[in-house]
Amino acid sequence: MERITADEADPSEAVEGVHLSALAAGERMSLQEFRIEPGKEVPTHSHPHEQAGYLVRGELTFVVGEENAKREELVLQEGDSYVLPGGEPHEVYNDGDEPAVGIDVFSPPRTDPDWKD
């Protein structure tokens, strides 16, 4: 069994106001904690990993889909969960008044994300 303590889960500021912490990872999935400050966003991106998540606190808006195609906007509330297929372009922003905090699961594992650079 692998254990990652809170002290070992050192957050990185992936983009301004967006803090990500790589947590435990196995052979088929990995965990990541996120904290997105009010008024901040994760720009449009995609990755080959399927991504499922749970919003522990706050509110987030996901915009999903290609730039020049039909895009879907979904507002998530505290307690909502979600899943995105691998390769799906998406962006996320926090229009709320408090930080949005949650957990993402990636499959296959996302053990070397580009935000760690």
PDB file of N, CA and C in Angstrom:
ATOM      1  N   MET A   1       0.836  -1.175   0.000  1.00  0.00           N
ATOM      2  CA  MET A   1       0.000   0.000   0.000  1.00  0.00           C
ATOM      3  C   MET A   1       0.887   1.248   0.000  1.00  0.00           C
ATOM      4  N   GLU A   2       0.496   2.205  -0.806  1.00  0.00           N
ATOM      5  CA  GLU A   2       1.207   3.488  -0.834  1.00  0.00           C
ATOM      6  C   GLU A   2       0.395   4.502  -0.040  1.00  0.00           C
ATOM      7  N   ARG A   3       1.092   5.325   0.726  1.00  0.00           N
ATOM      8  CA  ARG A   3       0.443   6.377   1.499  1.00  0.00           C
ATOM      9  C   ARG A   3       1.122   7.704   1.177  1.00  0.00           C
ATOM     10  N   ILE A   4       0.311   8.712   0.901  1.00  0.00           N
ATOM     11  CA  ILE A   4       0.804  10.074   0.707  1.00  0.00           C
ATOM     12  C   ILE A   4       0.206  10.898   1.843  1.00  0.00           C
ATOM     13  N   THR A   5       1.048  11.434   2.686  1.00  0.00           N
ATOM     14  CA  THR A   5       0.552  12.235   3.811  1.00  0.00           C
ATOM     15  C   THR A   5       0.256  13.657   3.343  1.00  0.00           C
ATOM     16  N   ALA A   6      -0.479  14.396   4.164  1.00  0.00           N
ATOM     17  CA  ALA A   6      -0.792  15.790   3.841  1.00  0.00           C
ATOM     18  C   ALA A   6       0.483  16.604   3.670  1.00  0.00           C
ATOM     19  N   ASP A   7       1.515  16.306   4.444  1.00  0.00           N
ATOM     20  CA  ASP A   7       2.784  17.025   4.323  1.00  0.00           C
ATOM     21  C   ASP A   7       3.485  16.727   2.998  1.00  0.00           C
ATOM     22  N   GLU A   8       3.299  15.520   2.468  1.00  0.00           N
ATOM     23  CA  GLU A   8       3.941  15.133   1.215  1.00  0.00           C
ATOM     24  C   GLU A   8       3.193  15.662  -0.010  1.00  0.00           C
ATOM     25  N   ALA A   9       1.924  15.986   0.148  1.00  0.00           N
ATOM     26  CA  ALA A   9       1.098  16.478  -0.965  1.00  0.00           C
ATOM     27  C   ALA A   9       1.340  17.970  -1.140  1.00  0.00           C
ATOM     28  N   ASP A  10       2.511  18.289  -1.615  1.00  0.00           N
ATOM     29  CA  ASP A  10       2.941  19.677  -1.774  1.00  0.00           C
ATOM     30  C   ASP A  10       2.248  20.310  -2.973  1.00  0.00           C
ATOM     31  N   PRO A  11       1.376  21.308  -2.757  1.00  0.00           N
ATOM     32  CA  PRO A  11       0.660  21.902  -3.894  1.00  0.00           C
ATOM     33  C   PRO A  11       1.578  22.737  -4.785  1.00  0.00           C
ATOM     34  N   SER A  12       1.272  22.699  -6.079  1.00  0.00           N
ATOM     35  CA  SER A  12       1.946  23.536  -7.074  1.00  0.00           C
ATOM     36  C   SER A  12       0.924  24.504  -7.641  1.00  0.00           C
ATOM     37  N   GLU A  13       1.358  25.729  -7.934  1.00  0.00           N
ATOM     38  CA  GLU A  13       0.463  26.687  -8.581  1.00  0.00           C
ATOM     39  C   GLU A  13       0.577  26.474 -10.086  1.00  0.00           C
ATOM     40  N   ALA A  14      -0.378  25.723 -10.640  1.00  0.00           N
ATOM     41  CA  ALA A  14      -0.345  25.361 -12.056  1.00  0.00           C
ATOM     42  C   ALA A  14      -0.520  26.587 -12.950  1.00  0.00           C
ATOM     43  N   VAL A  15      -1.479  27.413 -12.624  1.00  0.00           N
ATOM     44  CA  VAL A  15      -1.673  28.735 -13.218  1.00  0.00           C
ATOM     45  C   VAL A  15      -2.070  29.635 -12.059  1.00  0.00           C
ATOM     46  N   GLU A  16      -2.054  30.935 -12.270  1.00  0.00           N
ATOM     47  CA  GLU A  16      -2.314  31.861 -11.175  1.00  0.00           C
ATOM     48  C   GLU A  16      -3.641  31.535 -10.470  1.00  0.00           C
ATOM     49  N   GLY A  17      -3.550  31.295  -9.165  1.00  0.00           N
ATOM     50  CA  GLY A  17      -4.733  31.039  -8.360  1.00  0.00           C
ATOM     51  C   GLY A  17      -5.279  29.630  -8.432  1.00  0.00           C
ATOM     52  N   VAL A  18      -4.574  28.737  -9.130  1.00  0.00           N
ATOM     53  CA  VAL A  18      -4.990  27.340  -9.262  1.00  0.00           C
ATOM     54  C   VAL A  18      -3.894  26.461  -8.678  1.00  0.00           C
ATOM     55  N   HIS A  19      -4.205  25.825  -7.553  1.00  0.00           N
ATOM     56  CA  HIS A  19      -3.233  25.013  -6.827  1.00  0.00           C
ATOM     57  C   HIS A  19      -3.608  23.547  -6.942  1.00  0.00           C
ATOM     58  N   LEU A  20      -2.651  22.725  -7.380  1.00  0.00           N
ATOM     59  CA  LEU A  20      -2.878  21.301  -7.588  1.00  0.00           C
ATOM     60  C   LEU A  20      -1.873  20.503  -6.782  1.00  0.00           C
ATOM     61  N   SER A  21      -2.349  19.407  -6.205  1.00  0.00           N
ATOM     62  CA  SER A  21      -1.476  18.505  -5.450  1.00  0.00           C
ATOM     63  C   SER A  21      -1.633  17.099  -5.988  1.00  0.00           C
ATOM     64  N   ALA A  22      -0.528  16.500  -6.417  1.00  0.00           N
ATOM     65  CA  ALA A  22      -0.547  15.094  -6.821  1.00  0.00           C
ATOM     66  C   ALA A  22      -0.620  14.253  -5.551  1.00  0.00           C
ATOM     67  N   LEU A  23      -1.593  13.347  -5.515  1.00  0.00           N
ATOM     68  CA  LEU A  23      -1.775  12.478  -4.354  1.00  0.00           C
ATOM     69  C   LEU A  23      -1.356  11.062  -4.744  1.00  0.00           C
ATOM     70  N   ALA A  24      -1.940  10.062  -4.138  1.00  0.00           N
ATOM     71  CA  ALA A  24      -1.566   8.673  -4.396  1.00  0.00           C
ATOM     72  C   ALA A  24      -1.845   8.286  -5.849  1.00  0.00           C
ATOM     73  N   ALA A  25      -1.022   7.369  -6.353  1.00  0.00           N
ATOM     74  CA  ALA A  25      -1.196   6.863  -7.715  1.00  0.00           C
ATOM     75  C   ALA A  25      -0.936   5.362  -7.724  1.00  0.00           C
ATOM     76  N   GLY A  26      -1.768   4.654  -8.455  1.00  0.00           N
ATOM     77  CA  GLY A  26      -1.595   3.217  -8.621  1.00  0.00           C
ATOM     78  C   GLY A  26      -1.273   2.896 -10.061  1.00  0.00           C
ATOM     79  N   GLU A  27      -1.479   1.657 -10.438  1.00  0.00           N
ATOM     80  CA  GLU A  27      -1.190   1.225 -11.809  1.00  0.00           C
ATOM     81  C   GLU A  27      -2.247   1.700 -12.796  1.00  0.00           C
ATOM     82  N   ARG A  28      -3.484   1.931 -12.330  1.00  0.00           N
ATOM     83  CA  ARG A  28      -4.577   2.251 -13.243  1.00  0.00           C
ATOM     84  C   ARG A  28      -5.239   3.603 -12.994  1.00  0.00           C
ATOM     85  N   MET A  29      -4.864   4.296 -11.908  1.00  0.00           N
ATOM     86  CA  MET A  29      -5.467   5.596 -11.626  1.00  0.00           C
ATOM     87  C   MET A  29      -4.570   6.411 -10.714  1.00  0.00           C
ATOM     88  N   SER A  30      -4.847   7.710 -10.673  1.00  0.00           N
ATOM     89  CA  SER A  30      -4.136   8.598  -9.760  1.00  0.00           C
ATOM     90  C   SER A  30      -5.123   9.635  -9.225  1.00  0.00           C
ATOM     91  N   LEU A  31      -4.787  10.192  -8.073  1.00  0.00           N
ATOM     92  CA  LEU A  31      -5.611  11.205  -7.422  1.00  0.00           C
ATOM     93  C   LEU A  31      -4.904  12.548  -7.426  1.00  0.00           C
ATOM     94  N   GLN A  32      -5.708  13.601  -7.510  1.00  0.00           N
ATOM     95  CA  GLN A  32      -5.183  14.960  -7.465  1.00  0.00           C
ATOM     96  C   GLN A  32      -6.170  15.826  -6.684  1.00  0.00           C
ATOM     97  N   GLU A  33      -5.652  16.666  -5.801  1.00  0.00           N
ATOM     98  CA  GLU A  33      -6.489  17.638  -5.112  1.00  0.00           C
ATOM     99  C   GLU A  33      -6.340  18.975  -5.827  1.00  0.00           C
ATOM    100  N   PHE A  34      -7.425  19.738  -5.912  1.00  0.00           N
ATOM    101  CA  PHE A  34      -7.342  21.064  -6.519  1.00  0.00           C
ATOM    102  C   PHE A  34      -7.976  22.108  -5.616  1.00  0.00           C
ATOM    103  N   ARG A  35      -7.473  23.323  -5.765  1.00  0.00           N
ATOM    104  CA  ARG A  35      -8.036  24.505  -5.102  1.00  0.00           C
ATOM    105  C   ARG A  35      -7.958  25.639  -6.115  1.00  0.00           C
ATOM    106  N   ILE A  36      -9.131  26.166  -6.486  1.00  0.00           N
ATOM    107  CA  ILE A  36      -9.207  27.236  -7.465  1.00  0.00           C
ATOM    108  C   ILE A  36      -9.791  28.460  -6.765  1.00  0.00           C
ATOM    109  N   GLU A  37      -9.003  29.512  -6.703  1.00  0.00           N
ATOM    110  CA  GLU A  37      -9.401  30.730  -6.003  1.00  0.00           C
ATOM    111  C   GLU A  37     -10.518  31.450  -6.763  1.00  0.00           C
ATOM    112  N   PRO A  38     -11.320  32.268  -6.078  1.00  0.00           N
ATOM    113  CA  PRO A  38     -12.380  33.031  -6.741  1.00  0.00           C
ATOM    114  C   PRO A  38     -11.810  33.892  -7.869  1.00  0.00           C
ATOM    115  N   GLY A  39     -12.515  33.899  -9.004  1.00  0.00           N
ATOM    116  CA  GLY A  39     -12.103  34.706 -10.147  1.00  0.00           C
ATOM    117  C   GLY A  39     -10.997  34.098 -10.993  1.00  0.00           C
ATOM    118  N   LYS A  40     -10.542  32.898 -10.665  1.00  0.00           N
ATOM    119  CA  LYS A  40      -9.435  32.271 -11.405  1.00  0.00           C
ATOM    120  C   LYS A  40      -9.963  31.151 -12.293  1.00  0.00           C
ATOM    121  N   GLU A  41      -9.130  30.757 -13.264  1.00  0.00           N
ATOM    122  CA  GLU A  41      -9.568  29.743 -14.222  1.00  0.00           C
ATOM    123  C   GLU A  41      -8.430  28.824 -14.644  1.00  0.00           C
ATOM    124  N   VAL A  42      -8.828  27.655 -15.104  1.00  0.00           N
ATOM    125  CA  VAL A  42      -7.924  26.717 -15.761  1.00  0.00           C
ATOM    126  C   VAL A  42      -8.237  26.845 -17.248  1.00  0.00           C
ATOM    127  N   PRO A  43      -7.281  27.322 -18.069  1.00  0.00           N
ATOM    128  CA  PRO A  43      -7.558  27.534 -19.493  1.00  0.00           C
ATOM    129  C   PRO A  43      -7.903  26.224 -20.209  1.00  0.00           C
ATOM    130  N   THR A  44      -8.469  26.365 -21.391  1.00  0.00           N
ATOM    131  CA  THR A  44      -8.837  25.206 -22.204  1.00  0.00           C
ATOM    132  C   THR A  44      -7.632  24.296 -22.399  1.00  0.00           C
ATOM    133  N   HIS A  45      -7.849  23.026 -22.147  1.00  0.00           N
ATOM    134  CA  HIS A  45      -6.805  22.015 -22.314  1.00  0.00           C
ATOM    135  C   HIS A  45      -7.472  20.659 -22.479  1.00  0.00           C
ATOM    136  N   SER A  46      -6.680  19.674 -22.824  1.00  0.00           N
ATOM    137  CA  SER A  46      -7.158  18.290 -22.857  1.00  0.00           C
ATOM    138  C   SER A  46      -5.984  17.392 -22.496  1.00  0.00           C
ATOM    139  N   HIS A  47      -6.305  16.166 -22.168  1.00  0.00           N
ATOM    140  CA  HIS A  47      -5.294  15.166 -21.840  1.00  0.00           C
ATOM    141  C   HIS A  47      -5.896  13.806 -22.162  1.00  0.00           C
ATOM    142  N   PRO A  48      -5.065  12.809 -22.381  1.00  0.00           N
ATOM    143  CA  PRO A  48      -5.603  11.493 -22.779  1.00  0.00           C
ATOM    144  C   PRO A  48      -6.306  10.753 -21.634  1.00  0.00           C
ATOM    145  N   HIS A  49      -6.176  11.248 -20.431  1.00  0.00           N
ATOM    146  CA  HIS A  49      -6.719  10.562 -19.261  1.00  0.00           C
ATOM    147  C   HIS A  49      -8.212  10.827 -19.086  1.00  0.00           C
ATOM    148  N   GLU A  50      -8.971   9.787 -18.763  1.00  0.00           N
ATOM    149  CA  GLU A  50     -10.336   9.980 -18.301  1.00  0.00           C
ATOM    150  C   GLU A  50     -10.234  10.671 -16.943  1.00  0.00           C
ATOM    151  N   GLN A  51     -11.121  11.615 -16.675  1.00  0.00           N
ATOM    152  CA  GLN A  51     -11.049  12.400 -15.438  1.00  0.00           C
ATOM    153  C   GLN A  51     -12.410  12.378 -14.753  1.00  0.00           C
ATOM    154  N   ALA A  52     -12.436  11.903 -13.527  1.00  0.00           N
ATOM    155  CA  ALA A  52     -13.647  11.951 -12.705  1.00  0.00           C
ATOM    156  C   ALA A  52     -13.318  12.783 -11.479  1.00  0.00           C
ATOM    157  N   GLY A  53     -14.291  13.526 -10.979  1.00  0.00           N
ATOM    158  CA  GLY A  53     -14.000  14.384  -9.846  1.00  0.00           C
ATOM    159  C   GLY A  53     -15.190  14.584  -8.935  1.00  0.00           C
ATOM    160  N   TYR A  54     -14.890  15.198  -7.796  1.00  0.00           N
ATOM    161  CA  TYR A  54     -15.891  15.501  -6.776  1.00  0.00           C
ATOM    162  C   TYR A  54     -15.576  16.874  -6.207  1.00  0.00           C
ATOM    163  N   LEU A  55     -16.559  17.751  -6.197  1.00  0.00           N
ATOM    164  CA  LEU A  55     -16.386  19.103  -5.679  1.00  0.00           C
ATOM    165  C   LEU A  55     -16.750  19.111  -4.195  1.00  0.00           C
ATOM    166  N   VAL A  56     -15.742  19.248  -3.358  1.00  0.00           N
ATOM    167  CA  VAL A  56     -15.908  19.211  -1.907  1.00  0.00           C
ATOM    168  C   VAL A  56     -16.497  20.518  -1.396  1.00  0.00           C
ATOM    169  N   ARG A  57     -16.023  21.639  -1.952  1.00  0.00           N
ATOM    170  CA  ARG A  57     -16.448  22.954  -1.466  1.00  0.00           C
ATOM    171  C   ARG A  57     -16.467  23.950  -2.614  1.00  0.00           C
ATOM    172  N   GLY A  58     -17.452  24.851  -2.597  1.00  0.00           N
ATOM    173  CA  GLY A  58     -17.498  25.928  -3.573  1.00  0.00           C
ATOM    174  C   GLY A  58     -18.357  25.620  -4.785  1.00  0.00           C
ATOM    175  N   GLU A  59     -18.080  26.362  -5.847  1.00  0.00           N
ATOM    176  CA  GLU A  59     -18.817  26.247  -7.103  1.00  0.00           C
ATOM    177  C   GLU A  59     -17.822  26.416  -8.249  1.00  0.00           C
ATOM    178  N   LEU A  60     -18.005  25.658  -9.315  1.00  0.00           N
ATOM    179  CA  LEU A  60     -17.152  25.751 -10.505  1.00  0.00           C
ATOM    180  C   LEU A  60     -18.008  25.697 -11.759  1.00  0.00           C
ATOM    181  N   THR A  61     -17.531  26.341 -12.804  1.00  0.00           N
ATOM    182  CA  THR A  61     -18.161  26.221 -14.112  1.00  0.00           C
ATOM    183  C   THR A  61     -17.193  25.525 -15.055  1.00  0.00           C
ATOM    184  N   PHE A  62     -17.643  24.422 -15.654  1.00  0.00           N
ATOM    185  CA  PHE A  62     -16.888  23.705 -16.673  1.00  0.00           C
ATOM    186  C   PHE A  62     -17.436  24.108 -18.037  1.00  0.00           C
ATOM    187  N   VAL A  63     -16.554  24.362 -18.988  1.00  0.00           N
ATOM    188  CA  VAL A  63     -16.932  24.557 -20.382  1.00  0.00           C
ATOM    189  C   VAL A  63     -16.257  23.421 -21.139  1.00  0.00           C
ATOM    190  N   VAL A  64     -17.066  22.601 -21.795  1.00  0.00           N
ATOM    191  CA  VAL A  64     -16.578  21.370 -22.411  1.00  0.00           C
ATOM    192  C   VAL A  64     -16.847  21.406 -23.907  1.00  0.00           C
ATOM    193  N   GLY A  65     -15.870  20.983 -24.706  1.00  0.00           N
ATOM    194  CA  GLY A  65     -16.041  20.872 -26.148  1.00  0.00           C
ATOM    195  C   GLY A  65     -15.010  21.684 -26.916  1.00  0.00           C
ATOM    196  N   GLU A  66     -15.031  21.497 -28.218  1.00  0.00           N
ATOM    197  CA  GLU A  66     -14.103  22.171 -29.125  1.00  0.00           C
ATOM    198  C   GLU A  66     -14.418  23.659 -29.227  1.00  0.00           C
ATOM    199  N   GLU A  67     -13.406  24.483 -29.447  1.00  0.00           N
ATOM    200  CA  GLU A  67     -13.556  25.934 -29.562  1.00  0.00           C
ATOM    201  C   GLU A  67     -14.584  26.338 -30.627  1.00  0.00           C
ATOM    202  N   ASN A  68     -14.506  25.770 -31.824  1.00  0.00           N
ATOM    203  CA  ASN A  68     -15.367  26.193 -32.933  1.00  0.00           C
ATOM    204  C   ASN A  68     -16.543  25.251 -33.150  1.00  0.00           C
ATOM    205  N   ALA A  69     -16.896  24.496 -32.148  1.00  0.00           N
ATOM    206  CA  ALA A  69     -18.020  23.570 -32.250  1.00  0.00           C
ATOM    207  C   ALA A  69     -18.978  23.864 -31.094  1.00  0.00           C
ATOM    208  N   LYS A  70     -19.989  23.052 -30.992  1.00  0.00           N
ATOM    209  CA  LYS A  70     -20.940  23.221 -29.892  1.00  0.00           C
ATOM    210  C   LYS A  70     -20.219  22.953 -28.572  1.00  0.00           C
ATOM    211  N   ARG A  71     -20.305  23.928 -27.662  1.00  0.00           N
ATOM    212  CA  ARG A  71     -19.675  23.799 -26.353  1.00  0.00           C
ATOM    213  C   ARG A  71     -20.760  23.771 -25.301  1.00  0.00           C
ATOM    214  N   GLU A  72     -20.528  23.001 -24.274  1.00  0.00           N
ATOM    215  CA  GLU A  72     -21.491  22.868 -23.189  1.00  0.00           C
ATOM    216  C   GLU A  72     -20.922  23.512 -21.925  1.00  0.00           C
ATOM    217  N   GLU A  73     -21.744  24.279 -21.243  1.00  0.00           N
ATOM    218  CA  GLU A  73     -21.337  24.912 -19.988  1.00  0.00           C
ATOM    219  C   GLU A  73     -22.138  24.290 -18.845  1.00  0.00           C
ATOM    220  N   LEU A  74     -21.424  23.813 -17.828  1.00  0.00           N
ATOM    221  CA  LEU A  74     -22.062  23.164 -16.689  1.00  0.00           C
ATOM    222  C   LEU A  74     -21.587  23.815 -15.396  1.00  0.00           C
ATOM    223  N   VAL A  75     -22.514  24.214 -14.550  1.00  0.00           N
ATOM    224  CA  VAL A  75     -22.172  24.778 -13.250  1.00  0.00           C
ATOM    225  C   VAL A  75     -22.275  23.668 -12.216  1.00  0.00           C
ATOM    226  N   LEU A  76     -21.185  23.450 -11.494  1.00  0.00           N
ATOM    227  CA  LEU A  76     -21.137  22.419 -10.459  1.00  0.00           C
ATOM    228  C   LEU A  76     -21.226  23.073  -9.088  1.00  0.00           C
ATOM    229  N   GLN A  77     -21.997  22.461  -8.211  1.00  0.00           N
ATOM    230  CA  GLN A  77     -22.160  22.912  -6.836  1.00  0.00           C
ATOM    231  C   GLN A  77     -21.449  21.948  -5.898  1.00  0.00           C
ATOM    232  N   GLU A  78     -21.200  22.410  -4.698  1.00  0.00           N
ATOM    233  CA  GLU A  78     -20.617  21.571  -3.650  1.00  0.00           C
ATOM    234  C   GLU A  78     -21.380  20.252  -3.569  1.00  0.00           C
ATOM    235  N   GLY A  79     -20.635  19.144  -3.591  1.00  0.00           N
ATOM    236  CA  GLY A  79     -21.242  17.819  -3.525  1.00  0.00           C
ATOM    237  C   GLY A  79     -21.480  17.171  -4.875  1.00  0.00           C
ATOM    238  N   ASP A  80     -21.320  17.931  -5.988  1.00  0.00           N
ATOM    239  CA  ASP A  80     -21.495  17.355  -7.326  1.00  0.00           C
ATOM    240  C   ASP A  80     -20.266  16.553  -7.720  1.00  0.00           C
ATOM    241  N   SER A  81     -20.498  15.541  -8.550  1.00  0.00           N
ATOM    242  CA  SER A  81     -19.388  14.794  -9.147  1.00  0.00           C
ATOM    243  C   SER A  81     -19.524  14.877 -10.664  1.00  0.00           C
ATOM    244  N   TYR A  82     -18.459  14.521 -11.370  1.00  0.00           N
ATOM    245  CA  TYR A  82     -18.432  14.671 -12.826  1.00  0.00           C
ATOM    246  C   TYR A  82     -17.441  13.680 -13.416  1.00  0.00           C
ATOM    247  N   VAL A  83     -17.560  13.467 -14.717  1.00  0.00           N
ATOM    248  CA  VAL A  83     -16.590  12.652 -15.445  1.00  0.00           C
ATOM    249  C   VAL A  83     -16.427  13.231 -16.841  1.00  0.00           C
ATOM    250  N   LEU A  84     -15.169  13.273 -17.293  1.00  0.00           N
ATOM    251  CA  LEU A  84     -14.821  13.746 -18.634  1.00  0.00           C
ATOM    252  C   LEU A  84     -14.074  12.631 -19.349  1.00  0.00           C
ATOM    253  N   PRO A  85     -14.437  12.338 -20.598  1.00  0.00           N
ATOM    254  CA  PRO A  85     -13.671  11.333 -21.338  1.00  0.00           C
ATOM    255  C   PRO A  85     -12.281  11.857 -21.688  1.00  0.00           C
ATOM    256  N   GLY A  86     -11.340  10.972 -21.855  1.00  0.00           N
ATOM    257  CA  GLY A  86     -10.007  11.359 -22.282  1.00  0.00           C
ATOM    258  C   GLY A  86     -10.063  12.084 -23.618  1.00  0.00           C
ATOM    259  N   GLY A  87      -9.242  13.115 -23.785  1.00  0.00           N
ATOM    260  CA  GLY A  87      -9.170  13.865 -25.028  1.00  0.00           C
ATOM    261  C   GLY A  87     -10.209  14.959 -25.172  1.00  0.00           C
ATOM    262  N   GLU A  88     -11.133  15.088 -24.227  1.00  0.00           N
ATOM    263  CA  GLU A  88     -12.196  16.106 -24.295  1.00  0.00           C
ATOM    264  C   GLU A  88     -11.645  17.473 -23.884  1.00  0.00           C
ATOM    265  N   PRO A  89     -11.643  18.468 -24.794  1.00  0.00           N
ATOM    266  CA  PRO A  89     -11.197  19.809 -24.401  1.00  0.00           C
ATOM    267  C   PRO A  89     -12.134  20.377 -23.334  1.00  0.00           C
ATOM    268  N   HIS A  90     -11.552  21.018 -22.331  1.00  0.00           N
ATOM    269  CA  HIS A  90     -12.354  21.603 -21.260  1.00  0.00           C
ATOM    270  C   HIS A  90     -11.602  22.733 -20.588  1.00  0.00           C
ATOM    271  N   GLU A  91     -12.368  23.643 -20.014  1.00  0.00           N
ATOM    272  CA  GLU A  91     -11.812  24.711 -19.187  1.00  0.00           C
ATOM    273  C   GLU A  91     -12.695  24.813 -17.951  1.00  0.00           C
ATOM    274  N   VAL A  92     -12.150  25.407 -16.913  1.00  0.00           N
ATOM    275  CA  VAL A  92     -12.864  25.501 -15.644  1.00  0.00           C
ATOM    276  C   VAL A  92     -12.627  26.884 -15.071  1.00  0.00           C
ATOM    277  N   TYR A  93     -13.675  27.488 -14.531  1.00  0.00           N
ATOM    278  CA  TYR A  93     -13.467  28.762 -13.850  1.00  0.00           C
ATOM    279  C   TYR A  93     -14.335  28.858 -12.604  1.00  0.00           C
ATOM    280  N   ASN A  94     -13.850  29.672 -11.685  1.00  0.00           N
ATOM    281  CA  ASN A  94     -14.523  29.873 -10.406  1.00  0.00           C
ATOM    282  C   ASN A  94     -15.073  31.300 -10.377  1.00  0.00           C
ATOM    283  N   ASP A  95     -16.382  31.421 -10.576  1.00  0.00           N
ATOM    284  CA  ASP A  95     -17.052  32.721 -10.499  1.00  0.00           C
ATOM    285  C   ASP A  95     -17.622  32.981  -9.108  1.00  0.00           C
ATOM    286  N   GLY A  96     -17.392  32.047  -8.177  1.00  0.00           N
ATOM    287  CA  GLY A  96     -17.951  32.178  -6.839  1.00  0.00           C
ATOM    288  C   GLY A  96     -17.148  33.125  -5.961  1.00  0.00           C
ATOM    289  N   ASP A  97     -17.589  33.224  -4.721  1.00  0.00           N
ATOM    290  CA  ASP A  97     -16.949  34.112  -3.744  1.00  0.00           C
ATOM    291  C   ASP A  97     -15.980  33.389  -2.824  1.00  0.00           C
ATOM    292  N   GLU A  98     -15.864  32.077  -2.958  1.00  0.00           N
ATOM    293  CA  GLU A  98     -14.973  31.308  -2.106  1.00  0.00           C
ATOM    294  C   GLU A  98     -14.150  30.338  -2.952  1.00  0.00           C
ATOM    295  N   PRO A  99     -13.025  29.854  -2.432  1.00  0.00           N
ATOM    296  CA  PRO A  99     -12.238  28.881  -3.185  1.00  0.00           C
ATOM    297  C   PRO A  99     -13.056  27.627  -3.475  1.00  0.00           C
ATOM    298  N   ALA A 100     -12.829  27.051  -4.627  1.00  0.00           N
ATOM    299  CA  ALA A 100     -13.418  25.758  -4.988  1.00  0.00           C
ATOM    300  C   ALA A 100     -12.367  24.698  -4.708  1.00  0.00           C
ATOM    301  N   VAL A 101     -12.751  23.670  -3.958  1.00  0.00           N
ATOM    302  CA  VAL A 101     -11.824  22.621  -3.547  1.00  0.00           C
ATOM    303  C   VAL A 101     -12.417  21.271  -3.908  1.00  0.00           C
ATOM    304  N   GLY A 102     -11.604  20.396  -4.470  1.00  0.00           N
ATOM    305  CA  GLY A 102     -12.101  19.077  -4.832  1.00  0.00           C
ATOM    306  C   GLY A 102     -10.999  18.088  -5.107  1.00  0.00           C
ATOM    307  N   ILE A 103     -11.423  16.922  -5.549  1.00  0.00           N
ATOM    308  CA  ILE A 103     -10.531  15.803  -5.850  1.00  0.00           C
ATOM    309  C   ILE A 103     -10.815  15.318  -7.264  1.00  0.00           C
ATOM    310  N   ASP A 104      -9.761  15.070  -8.027  1.00  0.00           N
ATOM    311  CA  ASP A 104      -9.875  14.462  -9.357  1.00  0.00           C
ATOM    312  C   ASP A 104      -9.207  13.099  -9.344  1.00  0.00           C
ATOM    313  N   VAL A 105      -9.774  12.178 -10.118  1.00  0.00           N
ATOM    314  CA  VAL A 105      -9.198  10.857 -10.345  1.00  0.00           C
ATOM    315  C   VAL A 105      -8.903  10.762 -11.832  1.00  0.00           C
ATOM    316  N   PHE A 106      -7.697  10.327 -12.189  1.00  0.00           N
ATOM    317  CA  PHE A 106      -7.297  10.186 -13.584  1.00  0.00           C
ATOM    318  C   PHE A 106      -6.976   8.730 -13.889  1.00  0.00           C
ATOM    319  N   SER A 107      -7.451   8.272 -15.059  1.00  0.00           N
ATOM    320  CA  SER A 107      -7.136   6.925 -15.521  1.00  0.00           C
ATOM    321  C   SER A 107      -6.866   6.996 -17.017  1.00  0.00           C
ATOM    322  N   PRO A 108      -5.725   6.480 -17.469  1.00  0.00           N
ATOM    323  CA  PRO A 108      -4.631   5.928 -16.681  1.00  0.00           C
ATOM    324  C   PRO A 108      -4.022   6.992 -15.769  1.00  0.00           C
ATOM    325  N   PRO A 109      -3.141   6.582 -14.868  1.00  0.00           N
ATOM    326  CA  PRO A 109      -2.567   7.521 -13.905  1.00  0.00           C
ATOM    327  C   PRO A 109      -1.898   8.711 -14.598  1.00  0.00           C
ATOM    328  N   ARG A 110      -2.074   9.852 -13.993  1.00  0.00           N
ATOM    329  CA  ARG A 110      -1.422  11.084 -14.458  1.00  0.00           C
ATOM    330  C   ARG A 110      -0.316  11.396 -13.472  1.00  0.00           C
ATOM    331  N   THR A 111       0.792  10.688 -13.595  1.00  0.00           N
ATOM    332  CA  THR A 111       1.863  10.771 -12.620  1.00  0.00           C
ATOM    333  C   THR A 111       2.905  11.840 -12.938  1.00  0.00           C
ATOM    334  N   ASP A 112       2.901  12.355 -14.156  1.00  0.00           N
ATOM    335  CA  ASP A 112       3.870  13.375 -14.536  1.00  0.00           C
ATOM    336  C   ASP A 112       3.172  14.501 -15.308  1.00  0.00           C
ATOM    337  N   PRO A 113       2.231  15.198 -14.671  1.00  0.00           N
ATOM    338  CA  PRO A 113       1.485  16.240 -15.387  1.00  0.00           C
ATOM    339  C   PRO A 113       2.380  17.426 -15.745  1.00  0.00           C
ATOM    340  N   ASP A 114       2.017  18.105 -16.835  1.00  0.00           N
ATOM    341  CA  ASP A 114       2.832  19.242 -17.296  1.00  0.00           C
ATOM    342  C   ASP A 114       2.803  20.407 -16.316  1.00  0.00           C
ATOM    343  N   TRP A 115       1.800  20.494 -15.445  1.00  0.00           N
ATOM    344  CA  TRP A 115       1.764  21.599 -14.487  1.00  0.00           C
ATOM    345  C   TRP A 115       2.842  21.493 -13.415  1.00  0.00           C
ATOM    346  N   LYS A 116       3.491  20.330 -13.310  1.00  0.00           N
ATOM    347  CA  LYS A 116       4.573  20.193 -12.329  1.00  0.00           C
ATOM    348  C   LYS A 116       5.868  20.826 -12.802  1.00  0.00           C
ATOM    349  N   ASP A 117       5.943  21.167 -14.098  1.00  0.00           N
ATOM    350  CA  ASP A 117       7.195  21.744 -14.647  1.00  0.00           C
ATOM    351  C   ASP A 117       7.420  23.152 -14.156  1.00  0.00           C
TER     352      ASP A 117
END
